[in-house]
PDB file of N, CA and C in Angstrom:
ATOM      1  N   MET A   1       1.200  -1.498  -0.142  1.00  0.00           N
ATOM      2  CA  MET A   1       0.025   0.059   0.101  1.00  0.00           C
ATOM      3  C   MET A   1       0.924   1.171   0.384  1.00  0.00           C
ATOM      4  N   ALA A   2       0.840   2.701  -0.531  1.00  0.00           N
ATOM      5  CA  ALA A   2       0.712   3.462  -0.860  1.00  0.00           C
ATOM      6  C   ALA A   2       0.506   5.061  -0.184  1.00  0.00           C
ATOM      7  N   ARG A   3       1.298   5.549   0.112  1.00  0.00           N
ATOM      8  CA  ARG A   3       0.809   6.739   0.140  1.00  0.00           C
ATOM      9  C   ARG A   3       1.649   7.971  -0.512  1.00  0.00           C
ATOM     10  N   VAL A   4       0.350   9.080  -1.194  1.00  0.00           N
ATOM     11  CA  VAL A   4       0.241   9.776  -2.167  1.00  0.00           C
ATOM     12  C   VAL A   4       0.208  11.496  -1.458  1.00  0.00           C
ATOM     13  N   ALA A   5       0.709  12.182  -1.663  1.00  0.00           N
ATOM     14  CA  ALA A   5       0.403  13.281  -1.868  1.00  0.00           C
ATOM     15  C   ALA A   5       0.872  14.629  -2.540  1.00  0.00           C
ATOM     16  N   ILE A   6      -0.467  15.207  -2.776  1.00  0.00           N
ATOM     17  CA  ILE A   6      -0.282  16.575  -3.666  1.00  0.00           C
ATOM     18  C   ILE A   6      -0.130  18.043  -2.964  1.00  0.00           C
ATOM     19  N   GLU A   7       1.176  18.310  -3.069  1.00  0.00           N
ATOM     20  CA  GLU A   7       1.675  19.584  -2.472  1.00  0.00           C
ATOM     21  C   GLU A   7       1.283  20.740  -3.342  1.00  0.00           C
ATOM     22  N   TYR A   8       0.277  21.106  -2.866  1.00  0.00           N
ATOM     23  CA  TYR A   8      -0.507  22.226  -4.155  1.00  0.00           C
ATOM     24  C   TYR A   8       0.132  24.298  -3.486  1.00  0.00           C
ATOM     25  N   CYS A   9       0.100  25.096  -4.209  1.00  0.00           N
ATOM     26  CA  CYS A   9       0.424  26.328  -3.650  1.00  0.00           C
ATOM     27  C   CYS A   9      -1.669  26.897  -3.350  1.00  0.00           C
ATOM     28  N   THR A  10      -1.416  28.019  -2.591  1.00  0.00           N
ATOM     29  CA  THR A  10      -2.116  28.565  -1.698  1.00  0.00           C
ATOM     30  C   THR A  10      -2.418  29.442  -2.318  1.00  0.00           C
ATOM     31  N   GLN A  11      -1.228  29.907  -2.094  1.00  0.00           N
ATOM     32  CA  GLN A  11      -1.737  31.488  -3.188  1.00  0.00           C
ATOM     33  C   GLN A  11      -2.310  31.679  -4.352  1.00  0.00           C
ATOM     34  N   CYS A  12      -2.076  30.001  -5.020  1.00  0.00           N
ATOM     35  CA  CYS A  12      -2.599  29.815  -6.530  1.00  0.00           C
ATOM     36  C   CYS A  12      -3.955  29.801  -6.752  1.00  0.00           C
ATOM     37  N   ARG A  13      -3.919  29.392  -5.495  1.00  0.00           N
ATOM     38  CA  ARG A  13      -5.616  29.009  -5.464  1.00  0.00           C
ATOM     39  C   ARG A  13      -5.806  27.799  -5.784  1.00  0.00           C
ATOM     40  N   TRP A  14      -4.674  26.817  -6.181  1.00  0.00           N
ATOM     41  CA  TRP A  14      -5.121  25.729  -6.780  1.00  0.00           C
ATOM     42  C   TRP A  14      -5.524  24.091  -5.689  1.00  0.00           C
ATOM     43  N   LEU A  15      -5.924  24.688  -4.990  1.00  0.00           N
ATOM     44  CA  LEU A  15      -6.624  23.328  -4.361  1.00  0.00           C
ATOM     45  C   LEU A  15      -8.035  22.408  -4.624  1.00  0.00           C
ATOM     46  N   LEU A  16      -8.885  23.018  -5.798  1.00  0.00           N
ATOM     47  CA  LEU A  16      -9.682  21.930  -6.173  1.00  0.00           C
ATOM     48  C   LEU A  16      -9.040  21.158  -6.656  1.00  0.00           C
ATOM     49  N   ARG A  17      -7.734  21.949  -7.843  1.00  0.00           N
ATOM     50  CA  ARG A  17      -7.590  20.999  -9.047  1.00  0.00           C
ATOM     51  C   ARG A  17      -6.860  19.927  -8.043  1.00  0.00           C
ATOM     52  N   ALA A  18      -5.893  19.999  -6.277  1.00  0.00           N
ATOM     53  CA  ALA A  18      -5.009  19.072  -5.774  1.00  0.00           C
ATOM     54  C   ALA A  18      -6.509  17.720  -5.847  1.00  0.00           C
ATOM     55  N   ALA A  19      -7.334  18.290  -4.840  1.00  0.00           N
ATOM     56  CA  ALA A  19      -8.813  17.995  -4.680  1.00  0.00           C
ATOM     57  C   ALA A  19      -9.478  17.007  -5.593  1.00  0.00           C
ATOM     58  N   TRP A  20      -9.600  17.302  -6.995  1.00  0.00           N
ATOM     59  CA  TRP A  20     -10.187  16.428  -8.202  1.00  0.00           C
ATOM     60  C   TRP A  20      -9.145  15.324  -8.080  1.00  0.00           C
ATOM     61  N   MET A  21      -8.263  15.760  -8.254  1.00  0.00           N
ATOM     62  CA  MET A  21      -7.022  14.978  -8.354  1.00  0.00           C
ATOM     63  C   MET A  21      -7.311  13.621  -7.548  1.00  0.00           C
ATOM     64  N   ALA A  22      -6.843  14.415  -6.315  1.00  0.00           N
ATOM     65  CA  ALA A  22      -7.328  13.564  -5.023  1.00  0.00           C
ATOM     66  C   ALA A  22      -7.987  12.499  -5.237  1.00  0.00           C
ATOM     67  N   GLN A  23      -9.488  12.806  -5.555  1.00  0.00           N
ATOM     68  CA  GLN A  23     -10.571  12.184  -5.266  1.00  0.00           C
ATOM     69  C   GLN A  23     -10.297  10.529  -6.878  1.00  0.00           C
ATOM     70  N   GLU A  24      -9.801  11.251  -8.439  1.00  0.00           N
ATOM     71  CA  GLU A  24     -10.029  10.502  -9.072  1.00  0.00           C
ATOM     72  C   GLU A  24      -8.946   9.264  -8.446  1.00  0.00           C
ATOM     73  N   LEU A  25      -7.882   9.704  -8.217  1.00  0.00           N
ATOM     74  CA  LEU A  25      -6.793   8.422  -7.739  1.00  0.00           C
ATOM     75  C   LEU A  25      -7.397   7.657  -6.820  1.00  0.00           C
ATOM     76  N   LEU A  26      -7.889   8.305  -5.547  1.00  0.00           N
ATOM     77  CA  LEU A  26      -8.998   7.463  -4.809  1.00  0.00           C
ATOM     78  C   LEU A  26     -10.253   6.789  -5.506  1.00  0.00           C
ATOM     79  N   ASN A  27     -10.575   7.204  -6.012  1.00  0.00           N
ATOM     80  CA  ASN A  27     -11.487   6.650  -7.187  1.00  0.00           C
ATOM     81  C   ASN A  27     -10.953   5.094  -8.035  1.00  0.00           C
ATOM     82  N   THR A  28      -9.892   5.992  -8.146  1.00  0.00           N
ATOM     83  CA  THR A  28      -9.168   4.929  -9.661  1.00  0.00           C
ATOM     84  C   THR A  28      -8.372   3.594  -8.587  1.00  0.00           C
ATOM     85  N   PHE A  29      -7.872   3.905  -7.361  1.00  0.00           N
ATOM     86  CA  PHE A  29      -7.169   2.840  -6.593  1.00  0.00           C
ATOM     87  C   PHE A  29      -7.975   2.664  -5.374  1.00  0.00           C
ATOM     88  N   GLY A  30      -9.207   2.728  -5.153  1.00  0.00           N
ATOM     89  CA  GLY A  30      -9.143   2.356  -4.018  1.00  0.00           C
ATOM     90  C   GLY A  30      -9.015   2.317  -2.809  1.00  0.00           C
ATOM     91  N   THR A  31      -8.546   0.876  -1.856  1.00  0.00           N
ATOM     92  CA  THR A  31      -8.081   0.890  -1.114  1.00  0.00           C
ATOM     93  C   THR A  31      -6.316   0.133  -1.458  1.00  0.00           C
ATOM     94  N   ASP A  32      -5.979   0.337  -2.994  1.00  0.00           N
ATOM     95  CA  ASP A  32      -4.453   0.343  -2.590  1.00  0.00           C
ATOM     96  C   ASP A  32      -3.798   1.211  -1.872  1.00  0.00           C
ATOM     97  N   LEU A  33      -4.844   1.919  -2.143  1.00  0.00           N
ATOM     98  CA  LEU A  33      -4.150   2.779  -1.730  1.00  0.00           C
ATOM     99  C   LEU A  33      -4.008   3.510   0.233  1.00  0.00           C
ATOM    100  N   ASP A  34      -3.393   4.008   1.040  1.00  0.00           N
ATOM    101  CA  ASP A  34      -3.130   3.508   2.416  1.00  0.00           C
ATOM    102  C   ASP A  34      -4.232   4.920   3.021  1.00  0.00           C
ATOM    103  N   GLU A  35      -3.310   5.793   1.874  1.00  0.00           N
ATOM    104  CA  GLU A  35      -3.689   7.815   2.291  1.00  0.00           C
ATOM    105  C   GLU A  35      -3.726   8.655   0.645  1.00  0.00           C
ATOM    106  N   VAL A  36      -4.160   9.319   0.513  1.00  0.00           N
ATOM    107  CA  VAL A  36      -4.098  10.606  -0.311  1.00  0.00           C
ATOM    108  C   VAL A  36      -3.886  11.516   0.940  1.00  0.00           C
ATOM    109  N   ALA A  37      -3.020  12.117   1.171  1.00  0.00           N
ATOM    110  CA  ALA A  37      -3.022  13.477   0.930  1.00  0.00           C
ATOM    111  C   ALA A  37      -2.513  15.049   0.528  1.00  0.00           C
ATOM    112  N   LEU A  38      -3.519  16.346   1.171  1.00  0.00           N
ATOM    113  CA  LEU A  38      -3.425  17.300   0.159  1.00  0.00           C
ATOM    114  C   LEU A  38      -2.795  18.276   0.982  1.00  0.00           C
ATOM    115  N   VAL A  39      -1.565  19.010   0.159  1.00  0.00           N
ATOM    116  CA  VAL A  39      -0.259  19.575   1.785  1.00  0.00           C
ATOM    117  C   VAL A  39       0.057  20.840   1.151  1.00  0.00           C
ATOM    118  N   PRO A  40      -0.315  21.432   2.121  1.00  0.00           N
ATOM    119  CA  PRO A  40      -0.959  23.191   1.420  1.00  0.00           C
ATOM    120  C   PRO A  40       0.394  23.858   1.917  1.00  0.00           C
ATOM    121  N   GLY A  41       0.654  24.906   0.160  1.00  0.00           N
ATOM    122  CA  GLY A  41       2.068  24.794   0.167  1.00  0.00           C
ATOM    123  C   GLY A  41       2.503  26.592  -0.701  1.00  0.00           C
ATOM    124  N   THR A  42       3.234  27.118  -1.381  1.00  0.00           N
ATOM    125  CA  THR A  42       3.309  28.568  -1.436  1.00  0.00           C
ATOM    126  C   THR A  42       4.551  28.368  -2.316  1.00  0.00           C
ATOM    127  N   GLY A  43       4.468  29.153  -3.187  1.00  0.00           N
ATOM    128  CA  GLY A  43       5.674  29.888  -4.737  1.00  0.00           C
ATOM    129  C   GLY A  43       5.306  28.863  -5.225  1.00  0.00           C
ATOM    130  N   GLY A  44       3.997  28.890  -6.278  1.00  0.00           N
ATOM    131  CA  GLY A  44       3.753  27.667  -7.060  1.00  0.00           C
ATOM    132  C   GLY A  44       4.198  26.799  -7.570  1.00  0.00           C
ATOM    133  N   VAL A  45       4.478  25.766  -6.470  1.00  0.00           N
ATOM    134  CA  VAL A  45       4.894  24.305  -6.238  1.00  0.00           C
ATOM    135  C   VAL A  45       3.219  23.514  -6.523  1.00  0.00           C
ATOM    136  N   PHE A  46       3.794  22.681  -7.174  1.00  0.00           N
ATOM    137  CA  PHE A  46       2.506  21.259  -7.077  1.00  0.00           C
ATOM    138  C   PHE A  46       3.409  20.331  -7.756  1.00  0.00           C
ATOM    139  N   ARG A  47       3.618  19.240  -6.772  1.00  0.00           N
ATOM    140  CA  ARG A  47       4.332  18.398  -6.712  1.00  0.00           C
ATOM    141  C   ARG A  47       3.384  17.047  -5.991  1.00  0.00           C
ATOM    142  N   ILE A  48       3.883  16.113  -7.324  1.00  0.00           N
ATOM    143  CA  ILE A  48       2.753  14.971  -6.697  1.00  0.00           C
ATOM    144  C   ILE A  48       4.180  13.278  -6.071  1.00  0.00           C
ATOM    145  N   THR A  49       3.742  13.129  -4.242  1.00  0.00           N
ATOM    146  CA  THR A  49       4.672  11.956  -4.055  1.00  0.00           C
ATOM    147  C   THR A  49       4.062  10.184  -4.281  1.00  0.00           C
ATOM    148  N   VAL A  50       5.084   9.274  -4.157  1.00  0.00           N
ATOM    149  CA  VAL A  50       3.698   8.576  -4.219  1.00  0.00           C
ATOM    150  C   VAL A  50       5.054   7.564  -3.075  1.00  0.00           C
ATOM    151  N   ASP A  51       5.047   7.889  -1.610  1.00  0.00           N
ATOM    152  CA  ASP A  51       5.806   6.732  -1.266  1.00  0.00           C
ATOM    153  C   ASP A  51       7.348   7.967  -1.091  1.00  0.00           C
ATOM    154  N   ALA A  52       7.375   9.107  -1.136  1.00  0.00           N
ATOM    155  CA  ALA A  52       7.851  10.481  -0.894  1.00  0.00           C
ATOM    156  C   ALA A  52       8.503  10.342  -2.200  1.00  0.00           C
ATOM    157  N   GLU A  53       8.267   9.542  -2.810  1.00  0.00           N
ATOM    158  CA  GLU A  53       9.108   9.458  -3.997  1.00  0.00           C
ATOM    159  C   GLU A  53       8.299  10.778  -5.760  1.00  0.00           C
ATOM    160  N   GLN A  54       8.820  11.186  -5.969  1.00  0.00           N
ATOM    161  CA  GLN A  54       8.920  12.463  -7.030  1.00  0.00           C
ATOM    162  C   GLN A  54       7.737  12.124  -7.794  1.00  0.00           C
ATOM    163  N   ILE A  55       6.477  11.934  -8.683  1.00  0.00           N
ATOM    164  CA  ILE A  55       6.117  10.874  -9.614  1.00  0.00           C
ATOM    165  C   ILE A  55       6.005  12.812 -10.823  1.00  0.00           C
ATOM    166  N   TRP A  56       5.932  14.033  -9.791  1.00  0.00           N
ATOM    167  CA  TRP A  56       5.244  14.935 -11.405  1.00  0.00           C
ATOM    168  C   TRP A  56       5.600  16.090 -10.209  1.00  0.00           C
ATOM    169  N   GLU A  57       6.104  17.240 -10.426  1.00  0.00           N
ATOM    170  CA  GLU A  57       6.757  18.411 -10.485  1.00  0.00           C
ATOM    171  C   GLU A  57       6.312  19.416 -11.602  1.00  0.00           C
ATOM    172  N   ARG A  58       4.946  20.273 -11.212  1.00  0.00           N
ATOM    173  CA  ARG A  58       5.212  21.635 -12.066  1.00  0.00           C
ATOM    174  C   ARG A  58       6.370  22.048 -12.922  1.00  0.00           C
ATOM    175  N   ARG A  59       6.931  22.622 -12.443  1.00  0.00           N
ATOM    176  CA  ARG A  59       7.568  23.059 -13.232  1.00  0.00           C
ATOM    177  C   ARG A  59       8.796  21.962 -14.215  1.00  0.00           C
ATOM    178  N   ALA A  60       9.124  21.248 -13.643  1.00  0.00           N
ATOM    179  CA  ALA A  60      10.098  20.329 -14.071  1.00  0.00           C
ATOM    180  C   ALA A  60       9.595  19.223 -15.115  1.00  0.00           C
ATOM    181  N   ASP A  61       8.079  19.195 -15.140  1.00  0.00           N
ATOM    182  CA  ASP A  61       7.206  18.490 -16.179  1.00  0.00           C
ATOM    183  C   ASP A  61       6.440  18.861 -16.872  1.00  0.00           C
ATOM    184  N   GLY A  62       6.235  20.958 -16.876  1.00  0.00           N
ATOM    185  CA  GLY A  62       6.364  21.412 -17.628  1.00  0.00           C
ATOM    186  C   GLY A  62       4.244  21.501 -17.451  1.00  0.00           C
ATOM    187  N   GLY A  63       4.074  22.006 -16.340  1.00  0.00           N
ATOM    188  CA  GLY A  63       2.450  21.852 -16.108  1.00  0.00           C
ATOM    189  C   GLY A  63       2.103  20.390 -15.006  1.00  0.00           C
ATOM    190  N   PHE A  64       0.388  20.912 -15.294  1.00  0.00           N
ATOM    191  CA  PHE A  64       0.168  20.016 -14.467  1.00  0.00           C
ATOM    192  C   PHE A  64      -0.477  18.905 -14.774  1.00  0.00           C
ATOM    193  N   PRO A  65      -0.107  17.902 -14.082  1.00  0.00           N
ATOM    194  CA  PRO A  65      -0.689  16.506 -15.750  1.00  0.00           C
ATOM    195  C   PRO A  65      -1.854  15.887 -15.489  1.00  0.00           C
ATOM    196  N   ASP A  66      -2.972  15.532 -16.784  1.00  0.00           N
ATOM    197  CA  ASP A  66      -3.617  14.630 -17.108  1.00  0.00           C
ATOM    198  C   ASP A  66      -4.032  14.129 -16.179  1.00  0.00           C
ATOM    199  N   ILE A  67      -5.044  13.878 -15.652  1.00  0.00           N
ATOM    200  CA  ILE A  67      -5.552  12.556 -15.290  1.00  0.00           C
ATOM    201  C   ILE A  67      -5.642  11.223 -15.499  1.00  0.00           C
ATOM    202  N   ALA A  68      -5.692  11.023 -16.635  1.00  0.00           N
ATOM    203  CA  ALA A  68      -4.119   9.953 -17.902  1.00  0.00           C
ATOM    204  C   ALA A  68      -2.944   9.206 -17.332  1.00  0.00           C
ATOM    205  N   GLN A  69      -2.103  10.837 -17.320  1.00  0.00           N
ATOM    206  CA  GLN A  69      -0.642  10.803 -17.356  1.00  0.00           C
ATOM    207  C   GLN A  69      -0.834  10.149 -15.335  1.00  0.00           C
ATOM    208  N   LEU A  70      -1.520  10.600 -14.831  1.00  0.00           N
ATOM    209  CA  LEU A  70      -0.689  11.048 -13.727  1.00  0.00           C
ATOM    210  C   LEU A  70      -1.290   9.376 -12.949  1.00  0.00           C
ATOM    211  N   LYS A  71      -2.566   9.306 -13.582  1.00  0.00           N
ATOM    212  CA  LYS A  71      -3.358   7.232 -12.602  1.00  0.00           C
ATOM    213  C   LYS A  71      -2.440   6.750 -12.993  1.00  0.00           C
ATOM    214  N   GLN A  72      -1.647   6.455 -14.414  1.00  0.00           N
ATOM    215  CA  GLN A  72      -0.101   5.714 -15.499  1.00  0.00           C
ATOM    216  C   GLN A  72       0.771   5.929 -14.256  1.00  0.00           C
ATOM    217  N   ARG A  73       1.195   7.583 -13.705  1.00  0.00           N
ATOM    218  CA  ARG A  73       2.327   6.562 -13.007  1.00  0.00           C
ATOM    219  C   ARG A  73       2.399   6.438 -11.824  1.00  0.00           C
ATOM    220  N   VAL A  74       1.276   6.945 -11.577  1.00  0.00           N
ATOM    221  CA  VAL A  74       0.542   6.323  -9.732  1.00  0.00           C
ATOM    222  C   VAL A  74       0.331   4.929  -9.920  1.00  0.00           C
ATOM    223  N   ARG A  75      -0.021   4.077 -10.492  1.00  0.00           N
ATOM    224  CA  ARG A  75      -0.524   2.992 -11.181  1.00  0.00           C
ATOM    225  C   ARG A  75       0.670   1.968 -11.437  1.00  0.00           C
ATOM    226  N   ASP A  76       1.898   3.049 -11.792  1.00  0.00           N
ATOM    227  CA  ASP A  76       3.015   1.945 -12.299  1.00  0.00           C
ATOM    228  C   ASP A  76       4.239   1.728 -10.698  1.00  0.00           C
ATOM    229  N   ARG A  77       3.432   2.072  -9.524  1.00  0.00           N
ATOM    230  CA  ARG A  77       4.183   1.972  -8.877  1.00  0.00           C
ATOM    231  C   ARG A  77       3.625   2.328  -7.160  1.00  0.00           C
ATOM    232  N   VAL A  78       2.261   1.958  -7.833  1.00  0.00           N
ATOM    233  CA  VAL A  78       1.401   1.074  -6.834  1.00  0.00           C
ATOM    234  C   VAL A  78       1.015  -0.232  -7.249  1.00  0.00           C
ATOM    235  N   ALA A  79       0.498  -0.408  -8.377  1.00  0.00           N
ATOM    236  CA  ALA A  79      -0.267  -1.915  -8.576  1.00  0.00           C
ATOM    237  C   ALA A  79       0.803  -1.836 -10.297  1.00  0.00           C
ATOM    238  N   PRO A  80       1.823  -2.149 -10.907  1.00  0.00           N
ATOM    239  CA  PRO A  80       2.167  -2.110 -11.474  1.00  0.00           C
ATOM    240  C   PRO A  80       1.680  -3.217 -12.632  1.00  0.00           C
ATOM    241  N   GLY A  81       1.129  -4.564 -12.159  1.00  0.00           N
ATOM    242  CA  GLY A  81       0.872  -5.183 -12.684  1.00  0.00           C
ATOM    243  C   GLY A  81      -0.924  -4.919 -13.942  1.00  0.00           C
ATOM    244  N   ARG A  82      -1.769  -3.738 -12.776  1.00  0.00           N
ATOM    245  CA  ARG A  82      -2.833  -3.530 -12.706  1.00  0.00           C
ATOM    246  C   ARG A  82      -3.233  -2.842 -13.836  1.00  0.00           C
ATOM    247  N   ASP A  83      -4.797  -3.439 -15.114  1.00  0.00           N
ATOM    248  CA  ASP A  83      -5.031  -2.701 -15.778  1.00  0.00           C
ATOM    249  C   ASP A  83      -6.192  -1.383 -15.929  1.00  0.00           C
ATOM    250  N   LEU A  84      -5.389  -0.631 -16.120  1.00  0.00           N
ATOM    251  CA  LEU A  84      -6.584   1.134 -16.295  1.00  0.00           C
ATOM    252  C   LEU A  84      -7.301   1.698 -17.359  1.00  0.00           C
ATOM    253  N   GLY A  85      -7.739  -0.075 -18.227  1.00  0.00           N
ATOM    254  CA  GLY A  85      -8.991   0.093 -19.363  1.00  0.00           C
ATOM    255  C   GLY A  85      -8.103   1.331 -20.394  1.00  0.00           C
ATOM    256  N   HIS A  86      -9.496   1.505 -20.261  1.00  0.00           N
ATOM    257  CA  HIS A  86      -9.187   2.701 -21.700  1.00  0.00           C
ATOM    258  C   HIS A  86      -8.197   3.252 -21.928  1.00  0.00           C
ATOM    259  N   LEU A  87      -7.944   3.501 -20.434  1.00  0.00           N
ATOM    260  CA  LEU A  87      -6.068   4.590 -20.250  1.00  0.00           C
ATOM    261  C   LEU A  87      -5.469   3.725 -20.604  1.00  0.00           C
ATOM    262  N   ASP A  88      -5.510   3.027 -20.615  1.00  0.00           N
ATOM    263  CA  ASP A  88      -3.829   1.968 -21.248  1.00  0.00           C
ATOM    264  C   ASP A  88      -3.863   1.879 -22.434  1.00  0.00           C
ATOM    265  N   ARG A  89      -5.362   1.182 -23.404  1.00  0.00           N
ATOM    266  CA  ARG A  89      -5.549   1.213 -24.540  1.00  0.00           C
ATOM    267  C   ARG A  89      -5.645   2.523 -25.851  1.00  0.00           C
ATOM    268  N   ASP A  90      -5.832   3.719 -24.891  1.00  0.00           N
ATOM    269  CA  ASP A  90      -5.789   5.069 -25.474  1.00  0.00           C
ATOM    270  C   ASP A  90      -4.506   5.143 -25.879  1.00  0.00           C
ATOM    271  N   ARG A  91      -3.407   5.245 -24.734  1.00  0.00           N
ATOM    272  CA  ARG A  91      -2.122   5.174 -24.432  1.00  0.00           C
ATOM    273  C   ARG A  91      -1.337   4.707 -25.900  1.00  0.00           C
ATOM    274  N   SER A  92      -1.765   3.305 -26.109  1.00  0.00           N
ATOM    275  CA  SER A  92      -1.004   2.806 -26.803  1.00  0.00           C
ATOM    276  C   SER A  92      -1.186   2.529 -28.806  1.00  0.00           C
ATOM    277  N   SER A  93      -2.464   3.306 -28.764  1.00  0.00           N
ATOM    278  CA  SER A  93      -3.009   3.517 -29.976  1.00  0.00           C
ATOM    279  C   SER A  93      -1.845   4.791 -31.061  1.00  0.00           C
TER     280      SER A  93
END
């Protein structure tokens, strides 16, 4: 099981984006995740980690992840054998 942390900038008002991503991850991975935490930050931060390993950082990765990218990166660390259905099929076409 894993802990996902989504650190978001409060100054930029990115809470709703972070909360929506957290909801999507919980809906997709359910009990494969121990926790999805929302971590307030400042300075334009938007960073997502799985068990303290960074999987997305807004500046380094060129913006925000689309939800398919995010789910695939979380899946690759949490449940590598899991089929994400249409997300995986759309990517391979």
